[in-house]
Amino acid sequence: MDIQIITREGEPEYAVLPWAQYQALLKAAGINEQPAPDTPVRHAASPDQILPGLDQLRSLREGKGIAIEALARTVGISPSYLALIESGERQPDAAIRRSLAWELTVPGWRDES
């Protein structure tokens, strides 16, 4: 099996494998429903779960006591770019949103693409 393991901070986080092998695993597990490869999978938030918007990024960061420089470095962007995101002047791409969500523990941002 051709599996690529993606790690974060030295710990396995994702396993990536070819589509045919994924299909074979699903079949072996007895799972018949399979999304098409180009169909985005979205997880809706529960009605009682209110997800913060990116306009609340600065207050989330400050509430966790994280300096803008530290969060930017961890996410892999410059502090000035993070400041532009916080001010609403720039919209981060999906990868940056996922990284911000991971660091600030905001699961809803992970589901956007």
N, C-alpha and C. Protein backbone atom coordinates (compact mmCIF):
# COMPACT_ATOMS: atom_id res chain seq x y z
N MET A 1 0.85 -1.18 0.00
CA MET A 1 0.00 0.00 0.00
C MET A 1 0.89 1.24 0.00
N ASP A 2 0.57 2.20 -0.85
CA ASP A 2 1.35 3.43 -0.98
C ASP A 2 0.73 4.52 -0.11
N ILE A 3 1.16 4.61 1.12
CA ILE A 3 0.59 5.58 2.05
C ILE A 3 1.63 6.64 2.38
N GLN A 4 1.18 7.91 2.35
CA GLN A 4 2.02 9.02 2.76
C GLN A 4 1.50 9.47 4.13
N ILE A 5 2.38 9.56 5.10
CA ILE A 5 2.02 10.01 6.44
C ILE A 5 2.44 11.47 6.59
N ILE A 6 1.51 12.30 7.00
CA ILE A 6 1.79 13.72 7.24
C ILE A 6 1.78 13.93 8.74
N THR A 7 2.86 14.53 9.24
CA THR A 7 2.98 14.72 10.67
C THR A 7 2.90 16.19 11.04
N ARG A 8 2.56 16.44 12.30
CA ARG A 8 2.57 17.78 12.88
C ARG A 8 3.24 17.64 14.23
N GLU A 9 4.30 18.40 14.41
CA GLU A 9 5.06 18.36 15.65
C GLU A 9 5.51 16.94 16.00
N GLY A 10 5.92 16.20 14.96
CA GLY A 10 6.45 14.87 15.17
C GLY A 10 5.42 13.77 15.36
N GLU A 11 4.15 14.10 15.35
CA GLU A 11 3.08 13.11 15.54
C GLU A 11 2.30 12.92 14.25
N PRO A 12 1.95 11.69 13.88
CA PRO A 12 1.14 11.48 12.67
C PRO A 12 -0.20 12.20 12.78
N GLU A 13 -0.59 12.92 11.72
CA GLU A 13 -1.85 13.64 11.72
C GLU A 13 -2.77 13.17 10.59
N TYR A 14 -2.21 12.89 9.42
CA TYR A 14 -3.00 12.46 8.27
C TYR A 14 -2.32 11.28 7.59
N ALA A 15 -3.12 10.45 6.95
CA ALA A 15 -2.60 9.41 6.08
C ALA A 15 -3.21 9.64 4.71
N VAL A 16 -2.38 9.71 3.69
CA VAL A 16 -2.84 9.94 2.32
C VAL A 16 -2.51 8.70 1.51
N LEU A 17 -3.51 8.20 0.77
CA LEU A 17 -3.28 7.03 -0.05
C LEU A 17 -3.98 7.18 -1.39
N PRO A 18 -3.55 6.42 -2.39
CA PRO A 18 -4.18 6.51 -3.70
C PRO A 18 -5.67 6.15 -3.63
N TRP A 19 -6.47 6.79 -4.50
CA TRP A 19 -7.92 6.62 -4.50
C TRP A 19 -8.33 5.15 -4.62
N ALA A 20 -7.68 4.39 -5.50
CA ALA A 20 -8.05 2.99 -5.69
C ALA A 20 -7.84 2.19 -4.40
N GLN A 21 -6.77 2.48 -3.69
CA GLN A 21 -6.52 1.79 -2.43
C GLN A 21 -7.53 2.20 -1.36
N TYR A 22 -7.91 3.48 -1.37
CA TYR A 22 -8.95 3.97 -0.46
C TYR A 22 -10.25 3.23 -0.72
N GLN A 23 -10.62 3.11 -2.00
CA GLN A 23 -11.84 2.40 -2.37
C GLN A 23 -11.79 0.95 -1.90
N ALA A 24 -10.65 0.31 -2.06
CA ALA A 24 -10.49 -1.08 -1.63
C ALA A 24 -10.65 -1.21 -0.12
N LEU A 25 -10.10 -0.25 0.63
CA LEU A 25 -10.26 -0.27 2.09
C LEU A 25 -11.72 -0.12 2.49
N LEU A 26 -12.43 0.80 1.83
CA LEU A 26 -13.85 0.97 2.13
C LEU A 26 -14.63 -0.30 1.84
N LYS A 27 -14.33 -0.93 0.71
CA LYS A 27 -15.01 -2.16 0.34
C LYS A 27 -14.72 -3.25 1.36
N ALA A 28 -13.47 -3.38 1.79
CA ALA A 28 -13.09 -4.38 2.78
C ALA A 28 -13.77 -4.14 4.12
N ALA A 29 -14.04 -2.86 4.41
CA ALA A 29 -14.71 -2.52 5.67
C ALA A 29 -16.22 -2.65 5.56
N GLY A 30 -16.72 -2.95 4.37
CA GLY A 30 -18.16 -3.10 4.18
C GLY A 30 -18.89 -1.78 4.05
N ILE A 31 -18.19 -0.74 3.66
CA ILE A 31 -18.80 0.58 3.48
C ILE A 31 -19.07 0.76 1.99
N ASN A 32 -20.34 0.93 1.65
CA ASN A 32 -20.72 1.01 0.24
C ASN A 32 -20.80 2.44 -0.27
N GLU A 33 -21.22 3.38 0.56
CA GLU A 33 -21.38 4.77 0.11
C GLU A 33 -20.02 5.45 0.08
N GLN A 34 -19.67 5.97 -1.09
CA GLN A 34 -18.38 6.61 -1.26
C GLN A 34 -18.58 7.91 -2.01
N PRO A 35 -18.08 9.01 -1.49
CA PRO A 35 -18.20 10.28 -2.22
C PRO A 35 -17.33 10.26 -3.47
N ALA A 36 -17.77 10.97 -4.47
CA ALA A 36 -16.96 11.11 -5.69
C ALA A 36 -15.70 11.88 -5.35
N PRO A 37 -14.60 11.65 -6.05
CA PRO A 37 -13.34 12.32 -5.71
C PRO A 37 -13.42 13.83 -5.75
N ASP A 38 -14.25 14.42 -6.61
CA ASP A 38 -14.30 15.88 -6.70
C ASP A 38 -15.45 16.49 -5.92
N THR A 39 -16.14 15.69 -5.11
CA THR A 39 -17.24 16.20 -4.30
C THR A 39 -16.68 16.70 -2.96
N PRO A 40 -16.82 18.00 -2.67
CA PRO A 40 -16.32 18.48 -1.38
C PRO A 40 -17.17 17.94 -0.25
N VAL A 41 -16.52 17.52 0.81
CA VAL A 41 -17.22 17.02 1.99
C VAL A 41 -17.23 18.14 3.01
N ARG A 42 -18.42 18.55 3.41
CA ARG A 42 -18.56 19.63 4.39
C ARG A 42 -19.29 19.11 5.60
N HIS A 43 -18.84 19.55 6.74
CA HIS A 43 -19.48 19.19 7.99
C HIS A 43 -20.16 20.43 8.53
N ALA A 44 -21.46 20.36 8.64
CA ALA A 44 -22.21 21.51 9.14
C ALA A 44 -22.08 21.60 10.65
N ALA A 45 -22.02 22.82 11.13
CA ALA A 45 -21.99 23.03 12.58
C ALA A 45 -23.37 22.75 13.13
N SER A 46 -23.40 22.25 14.34
CA SER A 46 -24.70 22.02 14.96
C SER A 46 -25.35 23.37 15.24
N PRO A 47 -26.69 23.43 15.25
CA PRO A 47 -27.37 24.71 15.42
C PRO A 47 -26.98 25.45 16.69
N ASP A 48 -26.64 24.70 17.76
CA ASP A 48 -26.31 25.35 19.01
C ASP A 48 -24.83 25.74 19.09
N GLN A 49 -24.07 25.42 18.06
CA GLN A 49 -22.65 25.76 18.03
C GLN A 49 -22.46 27.00 17.18
N ILE A 50 -22.03 28.08 17.78
CA ILE A 50 -21.79 29.32 17.05
C ILE A 50 -20.30 29.44 16.82
N LEU A 51 -19.92 29.44 15.56
CA LEU A 51 -18.52 29.51 15.21
C LEU A 51 -18.09 30.96 15.04
N PRO A 52 -16.95 31.32 15.59
CA PRO A 52 -16.48 32.69 15.42
C PRO A 52 -16.04 32.92 13.99
N GLY A 53 -16.20 34.14 13.52
CA GLY A 53 -15.74 34.51 12.19
C GLY A 53 -14.31 34.98 12.24
N LEU A 54 -13.72 35.13 11.07
CA LEU A 54 -12.34 35.62 11.02
C LEU A 54 -12.23 37.03 11.58
N ASP A 55 -13.34 37.76 11.61
CA ASP A 55 -13.31 39.09 12.19
C ASP A 55 -13.04 39.05 13.69
N GLN A 56 -13.16 37.89 14.30
CA GLN A 56 -12.88 37.72 15.72
C GLN A 56 -11.51 37.11 15.99
N LEU A 57 -10.72 36.98 14.93
CA LEU A 57 -9.42 36.34 15.06
C LEU A 57 -8.53 37.02 16.09
N ARG A 58 -8.45 38.35 16.04
CA ARG A 58 -7.59 39.07 16.98
C ARG A 58 -8.03 38.81 18.43
N SER A 59 -9.32 38.89 18.69
CA SER A 59 -9.79 38.69 20.08
C SER A 59 -9.57 37.23 20.52
N LEU A 60 -9.71 36.27 19.61
CA LEU A 60 -9.42 34.88 19.95
C LEU A 60 -7.94 34.71 20.31
N ARG A 61 -7.10 35.29 19.48
CA ARG A 61 -5.66 35.19 19.73
C ARG A 61 -5.28 35.84 21.05
N GLU A 62 -5.77 37.05 21.25
CA GLU A 62 -5.45 37.77 22.48
C GLU A 62 -6.05 37.07 23.70
N GLY A 63 -7.24 36.51 23.54
CA GLY A 63 -7.88 35.78 24.64
C GLY A 63 -7.08 34.57 25.08
N LYS A 64 -6.33 33.99 24.16
CA LYS A 64 -5.49 32.84 24.49
C LYS A 64 -4.08 33.28 24.91
N GLY A 65 -3.86 34.59 24.91
CA GLY A 65 -2.56 35.12 25.33
C GLY A 65 -1.44 34.83 24.36
N ILE A 66 -1.77 34.74 23.07
CA ILE A 66 -0.75 34.44 22.06
C ILE A 66 -0.35 35.74 21.35
N ALA A 67 0.92 36.01 21.31
CA ALA A 67 1.42 37.19 20.60
C ALA A 67 1.26 36.98 19.10
N ILE A 68 1.02 38.08 18.38
CA ILE A 68 0.82 37.99 16.94
C ILE A 68 2.04 37.36 16.25
N GLU A 69 3.24 37.68 16.73
CA GLU A 69 4.45 37.12 16.15
C GLU A 69 4.51 35.62 16.34
N ALA A 70 4.12 35.14 17.52
CA ALA A 70 4.17 33.71 17.82
C ALA A 70 3.17 32.94 16.97
N LEU A 71 1.94 33.45 16.85
CA LEU A 71 0.93 32.76 16.05
C LEU A 71 1.34 32.75 14.58
N ALA A 72 1.82 33.88 14.09
CA ALA A 72 2.24 33.96 12.69
C ALA A 72 3.36 32.96 12.41
N ARG A 73 4.35 32.89 13.29
CA ARG A 73 5.47 31.98 13.11
C ARG A 73 4.98 30.53 13.10
N THR A 74 4.07 30.20 14.01
CA THR A 74 3.55 28.84 14.11
C THR A 74 2.76 28.46 12.86
N VAL A 75 1.98 29.41 12.33
CA VAL A 75 1.15 29.15 11.15
C VAL A 75 1.99 29.18 9.87
N GLY A 76 3.13 29.86 9.90
CA GLY A 76 4.00 29.90 8.74
C GLY A 76 3.80 31.12 7.86
N ILE A 77 3.32 32.21 8.47
CA ILE A 77 3.15 33.46 7.73
C ILE A 77 3.84 34.58 8.50
N SER A 78 3.93 35.74 7.89
CA SER A 78 4.57 36.87 8.57
C SER A 78 3.58 37.54 9.52
N PRO A 79 4.09 38.17 10.57
CA PRO A 79 3.21 38.91 11.48
C PRO A 79 2.43 40.01 10.75
N SER A 80 3.05 40.64 9.76
CA SER A 80 2.34 41.70 9.03
C SER A 80 1.17 41.13 8.22
N TYR A 81 1.35 39.93 7.65
CA TYR A 81 0.25 39.30 6.90
C TYR A 81 -0.86 38.88 7.86
N LEU A 82 -0.49 38.36 9.03
CA LEU A 82 -1.51 38.00 10.02
C LEU A 82 -2.27 39.25 10.47
N ALA A 83 -1.58 40.37 10.62
CA ALA A 83 -2.25 41.62 10.98
C ALA A 83 -3.25 42.03 9.90
N LEU A 84 -2.90 41.82 8.63
CA LEU A 84 -3.83 42.13 7.54
C LEU A 84 -5.05 41.22 7.59
N ILE A 85 -4.86 39.96 7.94
CA ILE A 85 -5.99 39.03 8.08
C ILE A 85 -6.88 39.47 9.23
N GLU A 86 -6.25 39.80 10.36
CA GLU A 86 -7.02 40.23 11.53
C GLU A 86 -7.82 41.51 11.26
N SER A 87 -7.28 42.39 10.45
CA SER A 87 -7.96 43.65 10.17
C SER A 87 -9.01 43.51 9.06
N GLY A 88 -9.05 42.34 8.42
CA GLY A 88 -10.02 42.12 7.35
C GLY A 88 -9.56 42.58 5.99
N GLU A 89 -8.31 43.02 5.88
CA GLU A 89 -7.79 43.49 4.60
C GLU A 89 -7.40 42.35 3.67
N ARG A 90 -7.16 41.17 4.23
CA ARG A 90 -6.81 39.98 3.44
C ARG A 90 -7.65 38.80 3.93
N GLN A 91 -8.00 37.93 2.98
CA GLN A 91 -8.69 36.69 3.31
C GLN A 91 -7.68 35.54 3.16
N PRO A 92 -7.46 34.78 4.21
CA PRO A 92 -6.48 33.70 4.13
C PRO A 92 -7.00 32.55 3.27
N ASP A 93 -6.07 31.82 2.67
CA ASP A 93 -6.49 30.65 1.91
C ASP A 93 -6.85 29.52 2.88
N ALA A 94 -7.35 28.43 2.34
CA ALA A 94 -7.83 27.32 3.16
C ALA A 94 -6.75 26.75 4.07
N ALA A 95 -5.53 26.65 3.56
CA ALA A 95 -4.45 26.09 4.36
C ALA A 95 -4.14 26.97 5.57
N ILE A 96 -4.13 28.26 5.39
CA ILE A 96 -3.87 29.17 6.51
C ILE A 96 -5.04 29.12 7.50
N ARG A 97 -6.28 29.08 6.99
CA ARG A 97 -7.44 28.96 7.89
C ARG A 97 -7.35 27.70 8.72
N ARG A 98 -6.95 26.59 8.09
CA ARG A 98 -6.83 25.33 8.85
C ARG A 98 -5.75 25.45 9.91
N SER A 99 -4.63 26.07 9.57
CA SER A 99 -3.55 26.24 10.56
C SER A 99 -3.98 27.14 11.71
N LEU A 100 -4.67 28.24 11.38
CA LEU A 100 -5.17 29.13 12.43
C LEU A 100 -6.17 28.40 13.30
N ALA A 101 -7.05 27.63 12.67
CA ALA A 101 -8.05 26.87 13.42
C ALA A 101 -7.38 25.89 14.37
N TRP A 102 -6.36 25.22 13.87
CA TRP A 102 -5.64 24.24 14.69
C TRP A 102 -5.02 24.93 15.91
N GLU A 103 -4.33 26.02 15.67
CA GLU A 103 -3.63 26.71 16.76
C GLU A 103 -4.59 27.36 17.75
N LEU A 104 -5.74 27.83 17.26
CA LEU A 104 -6.70 28.51 18.13
C LEU A 104 -7.85 27.60 18.56
N THR A 105 -7.79 26.34 18.17
CA THR A 105 -8.81 25.33 18.47
C THR A 105 -10.22 25.81 18.08
N VAL A 106 -10.37 26.20 16.81
CA VAL A 106 -11.66 26.61 16.26
C VAL A 106 -12.00 25.62 15.15
N PRO A 107 -12.76 24.55 15.46
CA PRO A 107 -12.99 23.50 14.47
C PRO A 107 -13.74 23.93 13.23
N GLY A 108 -14.62 24.89 13.30
CA GLY A 108 -15.41 25.29 12.14
C GLY A 108 -14.60 25.85 11.00
N TRP A 109 -13.49 26.52 11.30
CA TRP A 109 -12.67 27.09 10.24
C TRP A 109 -11.99 25.98 9.45
N ARG A 110 -11.78 24.83 10.07
CA ARG A 110 -11.12 23.71 9.38
C ARG A 110 -11.97 23.18 8.25
N ASP A 111 -13.27 23.29 8.37
CA ASP A 111 -14.18 22.70 7.39
C ASP A 111 -14.36 23.54 6.16
N GLU A 112 -13.99 24.82 6.21
CA GLU A 112 -14.13 25.68 5.04
C GLU A 112 -13.03 25.35 4.05
N SER A 113 -13.33 25.55 2.77
CA SER A 113 -12.27 25.36 1.78
C SER A 113 -12.38 26.41 0.71
